[in-house]
Amino acid sequence: MDNLYRDFILEHYRNPHNRGVLAEHDLHFADSNPTCGDEMSMSLRLDEAGERVVDVAFDGRGCAISQASASLLTDELRGMSLDDLRGMDPADVLDNLGVPIGPARLKCALLSYKVLQGAVRGGTVSWPEEADVLAGANEGGSAP
């Protein structure tokens, strides 16, 4: 893996953007990755119409990939509509990381996506059905 991308991931892990808990929020969800123990929660505050994200925060613990993924994902959420969030493609989350993600780390990389979907859909969601396809597309690589 290119050192530039490794440094990029580690920078988001060491200094994550949007880390914390929103005291006042409209949507909240927490989940974990039982295969590795990563845990994450996400809170979103919506505009007065209840349609667009005005603030977002995540909290939790886990590996560099799961925490960097959440940092990068939450950077993009402000201003997005709930419909846009529900329609997000998990492949975009992987693309944001900029490194190949092997099958063993796929759930780490997609935990933030899963937690976000739980918040905007109002309950527990399954891992993306595309996970097997995405894992196949990213075989041969892994991240720190």
Protein backbone atom coordinates (compact mmCIF):
# COMPACT_ATOMS: atom_id res chain seq x y z
CA MET A 1 0.00 0.00 0.00
CA ASP A 2 1.24 3.45 -0.83
CA ASN A 3 2.64 5.27 2.22
CA LEU A 4 0.69 8.42 1.32
CA TYR A 5 -2.61 6.56 1.70
CA ARG A 6 -1.42 4.78 4.84
CA ASP A 7 -0.53 8.17 6.36
CA PHE A 8 -3.92 9.53 5.26
CA ILE A 9 -5.73 6.70 7.10
CA LEU A 10 -3.56 7.04 10.18
CA GLU A 11 -4.10 10.81 10.28
CA HIS A 12 -7.89 10.33 10.35
CA TYR A 13 -7.45 7.63 12.99
CA ARG A 14 -5.23 9.77 15.24
CA ASN A 15 -7.14 13.02 14.66
CA PRO A 16 -10.65 12.02 13.64
CA HIS A 17 -13.02 14.67 12.35
CA ASN A 18 -16.46 14.93 13.95
CA ARG A 19 -15.59 12.73 16.91
CA GLY A 20 -17.89 13.17 19.87
CA VAL A 21 -21.52 12.98 20.84
CA LEU A 22 -24.18 15.54 19.96
CA ALA A 23 -26.11 16.35 23.12
CA GLU A 24 -29.04 17.49 21.01
CA HIS A 25 -29.73 15.19 18.08
CA ASP A 26 -32.63 13.95 16.00
CA LEU A 27 -31.18 10.60 14.94
CA HIS A 28 -28.84 8.25 16.77
CA PHE A 29 -27.70 4.67 16.28
CA ALA A 30 -24.98 2.41 17.68
CA ASP A 31 -23.69 -0.92 16.45
CA SER A 32 -20.59 -3.07 16.43
CA ASN A 33 -18.60 -5.44 14.30
CA PRO A 34 -18.65 -8.72 16.24
CA THR A 35 -15.81 -10.21 14.22
CA CYS A 36 -13.25 -7.69 15.51
CA GLY A 37 -14.92 -5.82 18.37
CA ASP A 38 -15.12 -2.37 16.72
CA GLU A 39 -17.95 -0.29 18.22
CA MET A 40 -19.47 2.90 16.89
CA SER A 41 -22.33 5.30 17.48
CA MET A 42 -23.46 8.19 15.32
CA SER A 43 -25.70 11.15 16.07
CA LEU A 44 -27.23 13.50 13.52
CA ARG A 45 -29.00 16.81 13.99
CA LEU A 46 -31.42 17.81 11.22
CA ASP A 47 -32.65 21.17 9.98
CA GLU A 48 -35.97 22.57 11.14
CA ALA A 49 -37.79 20.77 8.33
CA GLY A 50 -36.24 17.46 9.45
CA GLU A 51 -34.87 16.83 5.97
CA ARG A 52 -31.17 17.75 5.91
CA VAL A 53 -28.18 17.10 8.16
CA VAL A 54 -26.88 20.22 9.92
CA ASP A 55 -24.50 18.47 12.31
CA VAL A 56 -23.07 15.00 12.84
CA ALA A 57 -20.78 13.26 15.29
CA PHE A 58 -19.54 9.73 15.82
CA ASP A 59 -17.98 8.00 18.77
CA GLY A 60 -16.58 4.59 19.46
CA ARG A 61 -13.46 2.52 19.43
CA GLY A 62 -11.87 0.30 16.89
CA CYS A 63 -9.15 -0.17 14.35
CA ALA A 64 -7.64 2.53 12.15
CA ILE A 65 -9.84 1.53 9.20
CA SER A 66 -13.17 1.77 11.06
CA GLN A 67 -12.31 5.08 12.73
CA ALA A 68 -10.85 6.67 9.58
CA SER A 69 -13.85 5.53 7.58
CA ALA A 70 -16.20 7.22 10.07
CA SER A 71 -14.13 10.41 10.05
CA LEU A 72 -14.19 10.58 6.25
CA LEU A 73 -17.87 9.66 5.97
CA THR A 74 -19.06 12.20 8.52
CA ASP A 75 -17.10 14.94 6.72
CA GLU A 76 -19.49 14.50 3.78
CA LEU A 77 -22.84 14.37 5.56
CA ARG A 78 -23.61 17.99 6.42
CA GLY A 79 -26.18 19.41 4.01
CA MET A 80 -27.23 16.02 2.67
CA SER A 81 -30.91 15.03 2.67
CA LEU A 82 -32.20 11.93 4.39
CA ASP A 83 -33.09 10.52 0.96
CA ASP A 84 -29.49 11.06 -0.17
CA LEU A 85 -28.23 9.28 2.93
CA ARG A 86 -30.56 6.32 2.42
CA GLY A 87 -29.40 6.08 -1.18
CA MET A 88 -25.68 6.09 -0.42
CA ASP A 89 -23.61 3.39 -2.06
CA PRO A 90 -21.30 1.50 0.31
CA ALA A 91 -18.71 1.40 -2.49
CA ASP A 92 -18.34 5.18 -2.09
CA VAL A 93 -17.34 4.69 1.55
CA LEU A 94 -14.63 2.27 0.45
CA ASP A 95 -13.49 4.61 -2.31
CA ASN A 96 -13.08 7.44 0.22
CA LEU A 97 -10.46 5.41 2.06
CA GLY A 98 -8.25 5.35 -1.01
CA VAL A 99 -6.75 1.96 -0.21
CA PRO A 100 -7.70 -1.56 -1.21
CA ILE A 101 -9.71 -3.24 1.53
CA GLY A 102 -9.50 -7.02 1.77
CA PRO A 103 -12.41 -9.22 2.79
CA ALA A 104 -11.17 -9.51 6.37
CA ARG A 105 -11.35 -5.72 6.86
CA LEU A 106 -14.49 -5.00 4.85
CA LYS A 107 -16.82 -4.86 7.85
CA CYS A 108 -14.36 -2.56 9.63
CA ALA A 109 -14.48 -0.16 6.68
CA LEU A 110 -18.28 -0.33 6.39
CA LEU A 111 -19.23 -0.08 10.07
CA SER A 112 -19.76 3.69 9.78
CA TYR A 113 -22.01 3.14 6.74
CA LYS A 114 -24.02 0.52 8.65
CA VAL A 115 -24.42 2.79 11.69
CA LEU A 116 -25.45 5.72 9.49
CA GLN A 117 -28.05 3.57 7.74
CA GLY A 118 -29.38 2.40 11.11
CA ALA A 119 -29.83 6.02 12.16
CA VAL A 120 -31.61 7.20 9.01
CA ARG A 121 -33.70 4.06 8.60
CA GLY A 122 -34.71 3.96 12.25
CA GLY A 123 -33.45 0.56 13.31
CA THR A 124 -31.05 -2.28 12.93
CA VAL A 125 -29.81 -2.87 9.41
CA SER A 126 -27.90 -5.75 7.91
CA TRP A 127 -24.43 -5.49 6.50
CA PRO A 128 -24.70 -4.27 2.90
CA GLU A 129 -25.75 -7.06 0.54
CA GLU A 130 -23.05 -5.80 -1.76
CA ALA A 131 -20.40 -6.73 0.80
CA ASP A 132 -19.55 -10.01 -0.89
CA VAL A 133 -19.28 -8.33 -4.27
CA LEU A 134 -17.24 -5.48 -2.83
CA ALA A 135 -14.95 -7.90 -1.03
CA GLY A 136 -14.35 -9.72 -4.30
CA ALA A 137 -13.60 -6.47 -6.09
CA ASN A 138 -11.02 -5.54 -3.45
CA GLU A 139 -9.29 -8.89 -3.03
CA GLY A 140 -5.57 -8.85 -2.77
CA GLY A 141 -5.24 -5.85 -0.53
CA SER A 142 -5.59 -5.00 3.07
CA ALA A 143 -5.12 -1.91 5.12
CA PRO A 144 -3.46 -1.31 8.48
